């Protein structure tokens, strides 16, 4: 099931290309989560980060 967030508001400036995330608004590759958490705080490079808001959908 895609787009389970009832908000349907996109987070401006945040793109999401993860096809199996419930918060991915696939028609525009935007994030429709109410907010996002990115970590971990110890990351030293972009490749070290993850979206902790990911929800399989």
Protein backbone atom coordinates (compact mmCIF):
# COMPACT_ATOMS: atom_id res chain seq x y z
CA UNK A 1 0.00 0.00 0.00
CA UNK A 2 1.45 3.37 -0.99
CA UNK A 3 0.92 6.81 0.49
CA UNK A 4 -0.62 5.74 3.80
CA UNK A 5 -0.03 9.18 5.35
CA UNK A 6 -3.35 11.02 5.36
CA UNK A 7 -1.51 14.37 5.39
CA UNK A 8 -0.65 14.21 1.65
CA UNK A 9 1.32 17.45 2.12
CA UNK A 10 4.82 17.19 0.74
CA UNK A 11 7.85 18.39 2.65
CA UNK A 12 9.28 21.20 0.47
CA UNK A 13 12.79 20.52 -0.75
CA UNK A 14 12.81 16.85 0.30
CA UNK A 15 12.90 14.30 -2.51
CA UNK A 16 12.38 10.58 -2.06
CA UNK A 17 13.18 7.94 -4.64
CA UNK A 18 12.58 4.92 -2.41
CA UNK A 19 9.81 3.11 -4.28
CA UNK A 20 8.77 0.92 -1.35
CA UNK A 21 8.44 3.69 1.26
CA UNK A 22 4.85 4.39 2.28
CA UNK A 23 5.61 8.12 2.46
CA UNK A 24 6.95 8.39 -1.10
CA UNK A 25 4.55 10.36 -3.28
CA UNK A 26 5.65 8.42 -6.33
CA UNK A 27 4.10 10.75 -8.89
CA UNK A 28 6.47 13.54 -7.86
CA UNK A 29 9.25 11.75 -5.89
CA UNK A 30 8.42 13.88 -2.86
CA UNK A 31 8.12 12.90 0.79
CA UNK A 32 4.63 12.99 2.29
CA UNK A 33 5.60 12.14 5.88
CA UNK A 34 4.53 14.71 8.45
CA UNK A 35 8.21 15.09 9.37
CA UNK A 36 11.42 13.17 8.83
CA UNK A 37 14.31 12.00 10.98
CA UNK A 38 17.71 11.54 9.35
CA UNK A 39 20.68 10.07 11.15
CA UNK A 40 22.77 8.78 12.70
CA UNK A 41 24.37 11.76 14.38
CA UNK A 42 27.79 10.17 13.96
CA UNK A 43 27.63 10.28 10.13
CA UNK A 44 30.74 11.65 8.44
CA UNK A 45 29.50 11.48 4.83
CA UNK A 46 26.22 11.48 2.89
CA UNK A 47 26.51 7.72 2.36
CA UNK A 48 26.53 7.23 6.15
CA UNK A 49 23.03 8.67 6.63
CA UNK A 50 19.63 6.98 6.62
CA UNK A 51 16.03 8.14 6.72
CA UNK A 52 14.75 6.83 10.04
CA UNK A 53 11.19 7.75 9.03
CA UNK A 54 11.12 5.00 6.36
CA UNK A 55 8.01 2.84 6.56
CA UNK A 56 7.61 -0.12 4.26
CA UNK A 57 4.55 0.39 2.16
